[in-house]
Every structure is written in C-alpha cells, then in structure tokens.
Amino acid sequence: MMKIIPAIDIIDGKCVRLSKGDYDTKKIYREDPVETAKEFEDSGIRFLHLVDLDGAKSKHIVNRKVLENIAKETSLHIDFGGGLKTQQDIEAAFDSGARQVTLGSIAVQDPEFSIEMIRKYGSEKIILGADCHHRKIKISGWQEESTEDIIDFLLRYQKQGITQVICTDIAKDGMLEGPSEDLYKEILAKTSLELIASGGISCMDDLYAMKEAGCSGTIIGKAIYEGKITLVELRKFIENA
C-alpha cells in the first residue's frame, strides 16, 4: 500500500508553501499547524511530513515546539526534517515526538556523521532526503547546489544501509505541474530503495501514477492547500488501498 503523506512546512510557526524552494515565494496557508494536522488525522491519514524551513535555513532546529504540539495532540506518524546537523538535533527531534527523521543537507556535507547516525538509530528511523535540481543534489534549504548526481548519491547511501528515501525534484516542487515520473522510475529501476515521491503532485491521477510506478509513499503539499486534492478524496484513496 502506498502511504499518503501530507506535508506541513513551517516558517515562524505557520504552515507555508514555497515554489521551487524559493523562500521569497512563501505563502502562508494556515496559522495553526496543530489544527491542520488534526484535520489530516480526522480524514484517516496516518502519516505526516513536517519540515522546519526556518531550521533548514538556520542549520539547527527552530520550530521544535510545533513538532512537540503536533505529536502531543495527534497520533500521526511524523517524519521530521530541517536543520538536523548534530546528534543533539536528532535526539531533540525524537524526544519531541518524531518517529523518523530525514537527513538531507548533512548527508551531503558530512557523510561520515550521517552513516554513524544510520548505524546508531537504524534505517527504520532514518530517512535519506535527496532533493535535486537537474539531477544534482541541493542542500541548505535548497539554497546551495552540490555536484553529485542523484543516482550516485542514492547508491552510495544504499550501500551504507539506508532503505528509505524522500526524493524531491525541486523544479516541480510547489508548481502543481505533475511529479517527475521518469526520474522516480529510474530511481526504482536502479536502486532497491523504498521511494517516497515528493514535489509536483497536482491531482488524484498523479497519486495513482506514483502508486503504479511503485513508490512506497507520496508527499502532498500545495495540492491539498489549494484544494486541487480534497481530504475526502484522500480518505477514499486510503480506504480503497
């Protein structure tokens, strides 16, 4: 069954969305992320992708309290990312209620540390974040580009025990133009990773395409907030899975 994973991205404690990772395109959709998370749970959703965009930019956790409150007020399975640069950050995320954490920039900048964390916590608790633009991995809240190809990056971490990856094609993120289906099919063909697709989901047909491609999960952001996909539709998708 493919997991349906709504995204809540946080800036200044509020639910926002960006386009192509550009902070200047910030649009506030909800003032209260806890109430938003409750709405998701009430619709039969069990998973949540929570991103501390302030943390990603500041390179340390900023919106820990939002994570704590969502974990306290819901039973959602939360994966948390943004600003996780030290073991203390990771411990803080788990202590605040995250079931999993996503290692993104740090996996590029400090692979030795990241591999140590994978071995310490296990692949069931650590997800690899692979955000790319024109196949090149981007870091630091998508503000900087590395030189590493997405497939090479994934294979390198697969050898180190990673089993789950969230892959975002930044060119698609927040654009409501459909996901990078060809890229995801290539990843599934060339690796044995459980792939969570992220970026570009615009309608229910996109979700069915990701399911058909073999993705283990799909993250949905702006399509929900803009009403392109309703929570009623998502409930039916989950119930029929």
C-alpha atoms as a PDB file:
ATOM      1  CA  MET A   1       0.000   0.000   0.000  1.00  0.00           C
ATOM      2  CA  MET A   2       1.354   3.428  -0.906  1.00  0.00           C
ATOM      3  CA  LYS A   3       1.429   5.814   2.047  1.00  0.00           C
ATOM      4  CA  ILE A   4      -0.321   9.164   1.703  1.00  0.00           C
ATOM      5  CA  ILE A   5       1.850  11.745   3.453  1.00  0.00           C
ATOM      6  CA  PRO A   6       0.645  15.353   3.686  1.00  0.00           C
ATOM      7  CA  ALA A   7       3.363  17.953   4.209  1.00  0.00           C
ATOM      8  CA  ILE A   8       3.386  20.763   6.714  1.00  0.00           C
ATOM      9  CA  ASP A   9       6.233  23.217   6.103  1.00  0.00           C
ATOM     10  CA  ILE A  10       6.866  25.652   8.929  1.00  0.00           C
ATOM     11  CA  ILE A  11       8.120  29.241   8.908  1.00  0.00           C
ATOM     12  CA  ASP A  12       7.555  31.382  12.007  1.00  0.00           C
ATOM     13  CA  GLY A  13       5.311  28.666  13.431  1.00  0.00           C
ATOM     14  CA  LYS A  14       2.876  28.820  10.482  1.00  0.00           C
ATOM     15  CA  CYS A  15       2.009  26.462   7.621  1.00  0.00           C
ATOM     16  CA  VAL A  16       3.540  27.758   4.418  1.00  0.00           C
ATOM     17  CA  ARG A  17       4.403  26.576   0.925  1.00  0.00           C
ATOM     18  CA  LEU A  18       7.226  27.671  -1.326  1.00  0.00           C
ATOM     19  CA  SER A  19       7.626  27.364  -5.087  1.00  0.00           C
ATOM     20  CA  LYS A  20      10.811  25.611  -6.239  1.00  0.00           C
ATOM     21  CA  GLY A  21      12.245  26.068  -2.756  1.00  0.00           C
ATOM     22  CA  ASP A  22      12.424  29.855  -3.094  1.00  0.00           C
ATOM     23  CA  TYR A  23      11.842  31.476   0.316  1.00  0.00           C
ATOM     24  CA  ASP A  24      10.762  34.689  -1.422  1.00  0.00           C
ATOM     25  CA  THR A  25       7.693  32.841  -2.781  1.00  0.00           C
ATOM     26  CA  LYS A  26       6.446  31.994   0.721  1.00  0.00           C
ATOM     27  CA  LYS A  27       2.674  31.798   1.016  1.00  0.00           C
ATOM     28  CA  ILE A  28       1.008  31.300   4.390  1.00  0.00           C
ATOM     29  CA  TYR A  29      -1.873  28.834   4.186  1.00  0.00           C
ATOM     30  CA  ARG A  30      -2.675  28.137   7.829  1.00  0.00           C
ATOM     31  CA  GLU A  31      -1.847  29.934  11.049  1.00  0.00           C
ATOM     32  CA  ASP A  32      -2.110  26.808  13.225  1.00  0.00           C
ATOM     33  CA  PRO A  33      -0.189  23.693  12.117  1.00  0.00           C
ATOM     34  CA  VAL A  34      -1.603  21.642  15.000  1.00  0.00           C
ATOM     35  CA  GLU A  35      -5.176  22.145  13.824  1.00  0.00           C
ATOM     36  CA  THR A  36      -4.076  21.332  10.280  1.00  0.00           C
ATOM     37  CA  ALA A  37      -2.507  18.083  11.467  1.00  0.00           C
ATOM     38  CA  LYS A  38      -5.696  17.218  13.352  1.00  0.00           C
ATOM     39  CA  GLU A  39      -7.714  17.709  10.158  1.00  0.00           C
ATOM     40  CA  PHE A  40      -5.423  15.286   8.357  1.00  0.00           C
ATOM     41  CA  GLU A  41      -5.790  12.697  11.107  1.00  0.00           C
ATOM     42  CA  ASP A  42      -9.574  13.102  11.166  1.00  0.00           C
ATOM     43  CA  SER A  43      -9.581  12.261   7.451  1.00  0.00           C
ATOM     44  CA  GLY A  44      -7.982   8.877   8.031  1.00  0.00           C
ATOM     45  CA  ILE A  45      -4.413   9.974   7.285  1.00  0.00           C
ATOM     46  CA  ARG A  46      -1.742   8.300   9.428  1.00  0.00           C
ATOM     47  CA  PHE A  47       1.477   9.958   8.260  1.00  0.00           C
ATOM     48  CA  LEU A  48       2.872  13.485   8.265  1.00  0.00           C
ATOM     49  CA  HIS A  49       5.961  15.038   6.703  1.00  0.00           C
ATOM     50  CA  LEU A  50       6.910  18.010   8.905  1.00  0.00           C
ATOM     51  CA  VAL A  51       9.624  20.359   7.671  1.00  0.00           C
ATOM     52  CA  ASP A  52      11.233  23.114   9.721  1.00  0.00           C
ATOM     53  CA  LEU A  53      12.100  25.577   6.944  1.00  0.00           C
ATOM     54  CA  ASP A  54      13.460  28.038   9.474  1.00  0.00           C
ATOM     55  CA  GLY A  55      15.681  25.241  10.715  1.00  0.00           C
ATOM     56  CA  ALA A  56      16.853  24.340   7.231  1.00  0.00           C
ATOM     57  CA  LYS A  57      17.970  27.906   6.677  1.00  0.00           C
ATOM     58  CA  SER A  58      19.425  28.402  10.177  1.00  0.00           C
ATOM     59  CA  LYS A  59      21.108  24.948  10.223  1.00  0.00           C
ATOM     60  CA  HIS A  60      19.612  23.975  13.583  1.00  0.00           C
ATOM     61  CA  ILE A  61      16.115  23.123  14.820  1.00  0.00           C
ATOM     62  CA  VAL A  62      13.962  26.229  15.223  1.00  0.00           C
ATOM     63  CA  ASN A  63      10.341  25.024  15.340  1.00  0.00           C
ATOM     64  CA  ARG A  64      10.735  22.186  17.832  1.00  0.00           C
ATOM     65  CA  LYS A  65       7.641  23.320  19.742  1.00  0.00           C
ATOM     66  CA  VAL A  66       5.455  22.791  16.665  1.00  0.00           C
ATOM     67  CA  LEU A  67       6.676  19.199  16.459  1.00  0.00           C
ATOM     68  CA  GLU A  68       6.037  18.669  20.162  1.00  0.00           C
ATOM     69  CA  ASN A  69       2.497  20.039  19.941  1.00  0.00           C
ATOM     70  CA  ILE A  70       1.526  18.003  16.871  1.00  0.00           C
ATOM     71  CA  ALA A  71       2.943  14.835  18.434  1.00  0.00           C
ATOM     72  CA  LYS A  72       1.063  15.578  21.664  1.00  0.00           C
ATOM     73  CA  GLU A  73      -2.273  16.383  20.008  1.00  0.00           C
ATOM     74  CA  THR A  74      -2.323  13.645  17.322  1.00  0.00           C
ATOM     75  CA  SER A  75      -1.181  10.061  16.836  1.00  0.00           C
ATOM     76  CA  LEU A  76       0.258  10.799  13.397  1.00  0.00           C
ATOM     77  CA  HIS A  77       3.482   9.056  12.395  1.00  0.00           C
ATOM     78  CA  ILE A  78       5.690  12.123  11.938  1.00  0.00           C
ATOM     79  CA  ASP A  79       8.858  12.261   9.933  1.00  0.00           C
ATOM     80  CA  PHE A  80      10.731  15.461  10.683  1.00  0.00           C
ATOM     81  CA  GLY A  81      13.362  17.320   8.694  1.00  0.00           C
ATOM     82  CA  GLY A  82      15.058  20.686   8.518  1.00  0.00           C
ATOM     83  CA  GLY A  83      18.090  21.839  10.478  1.00  0.00           C
ATOM     84  CA  LEU A  84      19.257  18.426  11.682  1.00  0.00           C
ATOM     85  CA  LYS A  85      23.018  18.921  11.801  1.00  0.00           C
ATOM     86  CA  THR A  86      24.100  17.226  15.037  1.00  0.00           C
ATOM     87  CA  GLN A  87      23.229  14.172  17.092  1.00  0.00           C
ATOM     88  CA  GLN A  88      21.743  16.585  19.625  1.00  0.00           C
ATOM     89  CA  ASP A  89      19.359  17.889  16.930  1.00  0.00           C
ATOM     90  CA  ILE A  90      18.333  14.345  16.044  1.00  0.00           C
ATOM     91  CA  GLU A  91      17.803  13.403  19.688  1.00  0.00           C
ATOM     92  CA  ALA A  92      15.741  16.568  20.172  1.00  0.00           C
ATOM     93  CA  ALA A  93      13.505  15.617  17.235  1.00  0.00           C
ATOM     94  CA  PHE A  94      12.925  12.102  18.592  1.00  0.00           C
ATOM     95  CA  ASP A  95      12.384  13.409  22.125  1.00  0.00           C
ATOM     96  CA  SER A  96       9.817  15.863  20.730  1.00  0.00           C
ATOM     97  CA  GLY A  97       7.754  13.110  19.129  1.00  0.00           C
ATOM     98  CA  ALA A  98       9.184  12.418  15.670  1.00  0.00           C
ATOM     99  CA  ARG A  99       9.007   8.736  14.707  1.00  0.00           C
ATOM    100  CA  GLN A 100      11.539   9.253  11.913  1.00  0.00           C
ATOM    101  CA  VAL A 101      13.929  11.994  10.850  1.00  0.00           C
ATOM    102  CA  THR A 102      15.074  12.939   7.376  1.00  0.00           C
ATOM    103  CA  LEU A 103      18.760  13.653   6.829  1.00  0.00           C
ATOM    104  CA  GLY A 104      19.170  15.939   3.839  1.00  0.00           C
ATOM    105  CA  SER A 105      21.967  18.504   3.603  1.00  0.00           C
ATOM    106  CA  ILE A 106      24.053  16.820   6.285  1.00  0.00           C
ATOM    107  CA  ALA A 107      24.109  13.609   4.244  1.00  0.00           C
ATOM    108  CA  VAL A 108      25.948  15.546   1.536  1.00  0.00           C
ATOM    109  CA  GLN A 109      28.112  17.727   3.757  1.00  0.00           C
ATOM    110  CA  ASP A 110      29.108  15.148   6.362  1.00  0.00           C
ATOM    111  CA  PRO A 111      28.605  11.579   5.109  1.00  0.00           C
ATOM    112  CA  GLU A 112      30.736  10.131   7.923  1.00  0.00           C
ATOM    113  CA  PHE A 113      28.414  11.599  10.565  1.00  0.00           C
ATOM    114  CA  SER A 114      25.311  10.586   8.604  1.00  0.00           C
ATOM    115  CA  ILE A 115      26.462   6.989   8.272  1.00  0.00           C
ATOM    116  CA  GLU A 116      27.167   6.941  12.015  1.00  0.00           C
ATOM    117  CA  MET A 117      23.592   8.092  12.663  1.00  0.00           C
ATOM    118  CA  ILE A 118      22.165   5.449  10.320  1.00  0.00           C
ATOM    119  CA  ARG A 119      24.046   2.765  12.223  1.00  0.00           C
ATOM    120  CA  LYS A 120      23.096   4.203  15.619  1.00  0.00           C
ATOM    121  CA  TYR A 121      19.344   4.613  15.048  1.00  0.00           C
ATOM    122  CA  GLY A 122      18.716   2.130  12.228  1.00  0.00           C
ATOM    123  CA  SER A 123      17.302   2.504   8.753  1.00  0.00           C
ATOM    124  CA  GLU A 124      13.731   2.304  10.062  1.00  0.00           C
ATOM    125  CA  LYS A 125      14.197   5.653  11.860  1.00  0.00           C
ATOM    126  CA  ILE A 126      16.482   7.498   9.442  1.00  0.00           C
ATOM    127  CA  ILE A 127      15.204   8.549   6.010  1.00  0.00           C
ATOM    128  CA  LEU A 128      17.567   9.910   3.382  1.00  0.00           C
ATOM    129  CA  GLY A 129      16.469  13.241   1.930  1.00  0.00           C
ATOM    130  CA  ALA A 130      17.503  13.618  -1.693  1.00  0.00           C
ATOM    131  CA  ASP A 131      16.445  16.979  -3.109  1.00  0.00           C
ATOM    132  CA  CYS A 132      17.695  17.573  -6.612  1.00  0.00           C
ATOM    133  CA  HIS A 133      17.612  20.077  -9.441  1.00  0.00           C
ATOM    134  CA  HIS A 134      18.583  18.940 -12.925  1.00  0.00           C
ATOM    135  CA  ARG A 135      19.731  15.698 -11.235  1.00  0.00           C
ATOM    136  CA  LYS A 136      22.183  17.491  -8.919  1.00  0.00           C
ATOM    137  CA  ILE A 137      21.661  17.285  -5.156  1.00  0.00           C
ATOM    138  CA  LYS A 138      20.835  20.609  -3.478  1.00  0.00           C
ATOM    139  CA  ILE A 139      21.407  21.464   0.177  1.00  0.00           C
ATOM    140  CA  SER A 140      20.847  24.108   2.883  1.00  0.00           C
ATOM    141  CA  GLY A 141      17.140  24.568   2.318  1.00  0.00           C
ATOM    142  CA  TRP A 142      17.814  24.258  -1.440  1.00  0.00           C
ATOM    143  CA  GLN A 143      19.971  27.364  -1.385  1.00  0.00           C
ATOM    144  CA  GLU A 144      23.182  25.591  -2.448  1.00  0.00           C
ATOM    145  CA  GLU A 145      23.920  23.014  -5.146  1.00  0.00           C
ATOM    146  CA  SER A 146      26.349  20.112  -4.900  1.00  0.00           C
ATOM    147  CA  THR A 147      27.997  18.355  -7.835  1.00  0.00           C
ATOM    148  CA  GLU A 148      26.684  14.874  -7.038  1.00  0.00           C
ATOM    149  CA  ASP A 149      24.241  13.082  -9.342  1.00  0.00           C
ATOM    150  CA  ILE A 150      21.067  11.840  -7.691  1.00  0.00           C
ATOM    151  CA  ILE A 151      21.546   8.167  -8.630  1.00  0.00           C
ATOM    152  CA  ASP A 152      25.176   8.092  -7.479  1.00  0.00           C
ATOM    153  CA  PHE A 153      24.132   9.703  -4.196  1.00  0.00           C
ATOM    154  CA  LEU A 154      21.388   7.162  -3.580  1.00  0.00           C
ATOM    155  CA  LEU A 155      23.535   4.159  -4.429  1.00  0.00           C
ATOM    156  CA  ARG A 156      26.261   5.391  -2.097  1.00  0.00           C
ATOM    157  CA  TYR A 157      23.849   5.515   0.828  1.00  0.00           C
ATOM    158  CA  GLN A 158      22.111   2.292  -0.124  1.00  0.00           C
ATOM    159  CA  LYS A 159      25.477   0.570   0.419  1.00  0.00           C
ATOM    160  CA  GLN A 160      25.536   2.098   3.915  1.00  0.00           C
ATOM    161  CA  GLY A 161      22.198   0.599   4.905  1.00  0.00           C
ATOM    162  CA  ILE A 162      19.663   3.276   4.005  1.00  0.00           C
ATOM    163  CA  THR A 163      16.384   1.704   2.880  1.00  0.00           C
ATOM    164  CA  GLN A 164      14.057   4.734   2.542  1.00  0.00           C
ATOM    165  CA  VAL A 165      14.469   7.939   0.582  1.00  0.00           C
ATOM    166  CA  ILE A 166      12.363  11.059   0.080  1.00  0.00           C
ATOM    167  CA  CYS A 167      13.202  12.448  -3.338  1.00  0.00           C
ATOM    168  CA  THR A 168      12.082  15.922  -4.370  1.00  0.00           C
ATOM    169  CA  ASP A 169      12.634  17.329  -7.830  1.00  0.00           C
ATOM    170  CA  ILE A 170      12.887  20.999  -6.897  1.00  0.00           C
ATOM    171  CA  ALA A 171      11.861  22.159 -10.362  1.00  0.00           C
ATOM    172  CA  LYS A 172       8.488  20.529  -9.713  1.00  0.00           C
ATOM    173  CA  ASP A 173       8.004  21.467  -6.077  1.00  0.00           C
ATOM    174  CA  GLY A 174       5.004  23.688  -5.457  1.00  0.00           C
ATOM    175  CA  MET A 175       4.299  24.095  -9.176  1.00  0.00           C
ATOM    176  CA  LEU A 176       1.255  21.779  -9.410  1.00  0.00           C
ATOM    177  CA  GLU A 177       2.513  20.548 -12.792  1.00  0.00           C
ATOM    178  CA  GLY A 178       2.810  16.844 -12.022  1.00  0.00           C
ATOM    179  CA  PRO A 179       5.636  14.807 -10.470  1.00  0.00           C
ATOM    180  CA  SER A 180       8.954  13.738 -12.032  1.00  0.00           C
ATOM    181  CA  GLU A 181       7.658  10.336 -13.031  1.00  0.00           C
ATOM    182  CA  ASP A 182      10.623   9.455 -15.264  1.00  0.00           C
ATOM    183  CA  LEU A 183      13.113  10.290 -12.520  1.00  0.00           C
ATOM    184  CA  TYR A 184      11.230   8.212  -9.971  1.00  0.00           C
ATOM    185  CA  LYS A 185      11.009   5.243 -12.325  1.00  0.00           C
ATOM    186  CA  GLU A 186      14.758   5.485 -12.911  1.00  0.00           C
ATOM    187  CA  ILE A 187      15.426   5.516  -9.160  1.00  0.00           C
ATOM    188  CA  LEU A 188      13.203   2.490  -8.643  1.00  0.00           C
ATOM    189  CA  ALA A 189      14.893   0.661 -11.515  1.00  0.00           C
ATOM    190  CA  LYS A 190      18.474   1.408 -10.439  1.00  0.00           C
ATOM    191  CA  THR A 191      18.162   1.072  -6.654  1.00  0.00           C
ATOM    192  CA  SER A 192      16.336  -1.171  -4.197  1.00  0.00           C
ATOM    193  CA  LEU A 193      15.211   1.741  -2.025  1.00  0.00           C
ATOM    194  CA  GLU A 194      11.693   2.434  -0.794  1.00  0.00           C
ATOM    195  CA  LEU A 195      10.948   5.659  -2.629  1.00  0.00           C
ATOM    196  CA  ILE A 196       8.743   8.415  -1.239  1.00  0.00           C
ATOM    197  CA  ALA A 197       7.957  10.782  -4.096  1.00  0.00           C
ATOM    198  CA  SER A 198       7.726  14.494  -3.379  1.00  0.00           C
ATOM    199  CA  GLY A 199       7.057  17.550  -5.499  1.00  0.00           C
ATOM    200  CA  GLY A 200       4.579  18.440  -8.211  1.00  0.00           C
ATOM    201  CA  ILE A 201       1.571  16.374  -7.149  1.00  0.00           C
ATOM    202  CA  SER A 202      -1.400  18.234  -8.605  1.00  0.00           C
ATOM    203  CA  CYS A 203      -4.361  15.836  -8.725  1.00  0.00           C
ATOM    204  CA  MET A 204      -5.528  12.335  -7.852  1.00  0.00           C
ATOM    205  CA  ASP A 205      -4.281  11.000 -11.192  1.00  0.00           C
ATOM    206  CA  ASP A 206      -0.753  11.897 -10.092  1.00  0.00           C
ATOM    207  CA  LEU A 207      -1.209   9.811  -6.956  1.00  0.00           C
ATOM    208  CA  TYR A 208      -2.380   6.824  -8.968  1.00  0.00           C
ATOM    209  CA  ALA A 209       0.618   7.261 -11.281  1.00  0.00           C
ATOM    210  CA  MET A 210       3.008   7.212  -8.319  1.00  0.00           C
ATOM    211  CA  LYS A 211       1.305   4.108  -6.960  1.00  0.00           C
ATOM    212  CA  GLU A 212       1.557   2.420 -10.369  1.00  0.00           C
ATOM    213  CA  ALA A 213       5.239   3.352 -10.606  1.00  0.00           C
ATOM    214  CA  GLY A 214       5.910   1.507  -7.347  1.00  0.00           C
ATOM    215  CA  CYS A 215       6.517   4.357  -4.895  1.00  0.00           C
ATOM    216  CA  SER A 216       6.161   3.375  -1.232  1.00  0.00           C
ATOM    217  CA  GLY A 217       4.721   6.775  -0.392  1.00  0.00           C
ATOM    218  CA  THR A 218       3.838  10.158  -1.844  1.00  0.00           C
ATOM    219  CA  ILE A 219       4.115  13.527  -0.146  1.00  0.00           C
ATOM    220  CA  ILE A 220       1.389  16.032  -0.982  1.00  0.00           C
ATOM    221  CA  GLY A 221       1.626  19.712  -0.157  1.00  0.00           C
ATOM    222  CA  LYS A 222       0.244  22.576  -2.171  1.00  0.00           C
ATOM    223  CA  ALA A 223      -2.360  20.414  -3.944  1.00  0.00           C
ATOM    224  CA  ILE A 224      -4.148  19.984  -0.606  1.00  0.00           C
ATOM    225  CA  TYR A 225      -3.843  23.606   0.457  1.00  0.00           C
ATOM    226  CA  GLU A 226      -5.028  24.875  -2.939  1.00  0.00           C
ATOM    227  CA  GLY A 227      -7.976  22.467  -2.997  1.00  0.00           C
ATOM    228  CA  LYS A 228      -6.728  20.502  -6.012  1.00  0.00           C
ATOM    229  CA  ILE A 229      -6.951  17.337  -3.917  1.00  0.00           C
ATOM    230  CA  THR A 230      -9.512  17.146  -1.128  1.00  0.00           C
ATOM    231  CA  LEU A 231      -9.268  15.294   2.149  1.00  0.00           C
ATOM    232  CA  VAL A 232     -12.416  13.410   1.155  1.00  0.00           C
ATOM    233  CA  GLU A 233     -10.630  12.119  -1.952  1.00  0.00           C
ATOM    234  CA  LEU A 234      -7.630  11.108   0.112  1.00  0.00           C
ATOM    235  CA  ARG A 235      -9.825   9.247   2.579  1.00  0.00           C
ATOM    236  CA  LYS A 236     -11.362   7.256  -0.282  1.00  0.00           C
ATOM    237  CA  PHE A 237      -7.924   6.513  -1.744  1.00  0.00           C
ATOM    238  CA  ILE A 238      -6.728   5.198   1.640  1.00  0.00           C
ATOM    239  CA  GLU A 239      -9.870   3.160   2.258  1.00  0.00           C
ATOM    240  CA  ASN A 240      -9.693   1.559  -1.191  1.00  0.00           C
ATOM    241  CA  ALA A 241      -5.985   0.743  -0.983  1.00  0.00           C
END
